[in-house]
Amino acid sequence: MRIKKEDTVLVIAGKDKGKRGKVHRAFPAEQKVLVSGVNIVKRHTKPKPNVRQAGIIEQEAPIQVSNVALICGKCDRPTRVGMRLLGDGTKVRFCKACGEVIG
């Protein structure tokens, strides 16, 4: 999976298409990411001693990684991500549009 925590992404499919957000968590085994402000769902929770609030709570749900595109820091556009080996043998991600290395 080529999208990681703290990446800025654009939703390219689904009910939140066109929204931008930052990745809070990545779930590589499930191929999903948790993006701030995207895929808001309502959860019904029972009152418990350790739960902050009971009732209907709105929270973010994970979204499929194929439905988001990484935003390049240099060209500020959604892009595909490639992998490249540097001279010292380290693997880095790069923007397929402009060729810039993504931190």
Protein backbone atom coordinates (compact mmCIF):
# COMPACT_ATOMS: atom_id res chain seq x y z
CA MET A 1 0.00 0.00 0.00
CA ARG A 2 1.54 3.30 -1.08
CA ILE A 3 -0.51 5.70 1.03
CA LYS A 4 0.71 6.25 4.57
CA LYS A 5 -0.18 8.14 7.74
CA GLU A 6 -0.01 11.97 7.48
CA ASP A 7 -0.40 11.95 3.65
CA THR A 8 -2.86 14.39 2.10
CA VAL A 9 -5.32 12.61 -0.19
CA LEU A 10 -8.22 13.43 -2.49
CA VAL A 11 -11.33 11.21 -2.55
CA ILE A 12 -11.90 10.18 -6.19
CA ALA A 13 -14.96 7.92 -5.75
CA GLY A 14 -17.96 7.56 -3.45
CA LYS A 15 -20.28 9.92 -1.61
CA ASP A 16 -17.41 12.22 -0.54
CA LYS A 17 -15.88 12.56 -4.02
CA GLY A 18 -13.80 15.74 -4.35
CA LYS A 19 -13.00 16.16 -0.64
CA ARG A 20 -9.42 16.47 0.60
CA GLY A 21 -8.19 15.23 3.93
CA LYS A 22 -5.22 13.96 5.90
CA VAL A 23 -4.76 10.25 6.60
CA HIS A 24 -5.05 9.52 10.34
CA ARG A 25 -4.47 5.78 10.16
CA ALA A 26 -3.67 3.20 7.53
CA PHE A 27 -4.88 -0.41 7.62
CA PRO A 28 -2.59 -2.23 5.13
CA ALA A 29 -4.06 -5.69 5.79
CA GLU A 30 -7.54 -4.45 4.86
CA GLN A 31 -6.36 -1.98 2.14
CA LYS A 32 -8.19 0.89 3.90
CA VAL A 33 -7.30 4.32 5.27
CA LEU A 34 -8.95 6.59 7.83
CA VAL A 35 -9.18 10.14 6.42
CA SER A 36 -10.18 13.20 8.47
CA GLY A 37 -13.57 14.65 7.54
CA VAL A 38 -14.40 11.90 5.04
CA ASN A 39 -16.85 8.97 5.20
CA ILE A 40 -18.71 10.19 8.28
CA VAL A 41 -21.06 7.53 9.69
CA LYS A 42 -23.44 7.46 12.66
CA ARG A 43 -22.83 4.92 15.42
CA HIS A 44 -25.28 4.07 18.19
CA THR A 45 -23.47 3.56 21.50
CA LYS A 46 -24.72 2.42 24.87
CA PRO A 47 -23.79 4.33 28.03
CA LYS A 48 -20.73 2.80 29.71
CA PRO A 49 -18.47 4.13 32.47
CA ASN A 50 -15.48 4.68 30.16
CA VAL A 51 -17.37 5.93 27.07
CA ARG A 52 -17.26 9.70 26.61
CA GLN A 53 -20.79 9.94 25.22
CA ALA A 54 -23.79 7.70 24.70
CA GLY A 55 -26.40 7.92 21.97
CA ILE A 56 -25.85 8.60 18.28
CA ILE A 57 -22.25 9.62 17.55
CA GLU A 58 -20.87 10.72 14.19
CA GLN A 59 -17.38 9.43 13.44
CA GLU A 60 -15.08 8.72 10.51
CA ALA A 61 -15.02 5.24 9.02
CA PRO A 62 -12.20 3.72 6.95
CA ILE A 63 -12.37 4.17 3.18
CA GLN A 64 -10.97 1.86 0.51
CA VAL A 65 -7.47 2.92 -0.58
CA SER A 66 -8.46 2.56 -4.24
CA ASN A 67 -10.97 5.39 -3.74
CA VAL A 68 -8.33 7.97 -2.78
CA ALA A 69 -5.44 9.57 -4.67
CA LEU A 70 -2.33 11.02 -3.07
CA ILE A 71 -1.82 14.77 -3.45
CA CYS A 72 1.73 15.64 -4.56
CA GLY A 73 3.41 18.32 -2.45
CA LYS A 74 5.14 19.95 -5.40
CA CYS A 75 2.50 20.01 -8.15
CA ASP A 76 -0.50 20.03 -5.72
CA ARG A 77 -2.50 17.61 -7.88
CA PRO A 78 -3.76 14.06 -7.30
CA THR A 79 -1.20 11.63 -8.64
CA ARG A 80 -0.28 8.01 -8.96
CA VAL A 81 2.59 6.86 -6.78
CA GLY A 82 5.65 4.94 -7.94
CA MET A 83 8.49 3.32 -6.03
CA ARG A 84 12.14 4.00 -6.80
CA LEU A 85 15.48 2.81 -5.43
CA LEU A 86 17.96 5.55 -4.63
CA GLY A 87 21.71 5.21 -5.01
CA ASP A 88 22.17 4.24 -1.36
CA GLY A 89 19.63 1.40 -1.70
CA THR A 90 16.66 3.01 0.06
CA LYS A 91 13.16 2.75 -1.39
CA VAL A 92 11.25 6.00 -1.84
CA ARG A 93 7.85 6.98 -3.23
CA PHE A 94 7.67 9.43 -6.12
CA CYS A 95 5.02 11.36 -8.02
CA LYS A 96 4.38 9.85 -11.46
CA ALA A 97 3.33 13.28 -12.83
CA CYS A 98 6.32 15.45 -11.89
CA GLY A 99 8.87 12.88 -10.66
CA GLU A 100 9.28 14.54 -7.25
CA VAL A 101 10.18 12.30 -4.29
CA ILE A 102 7.34 12.12 -1.74
CA GLY A 103 8.53 12.31 1.86
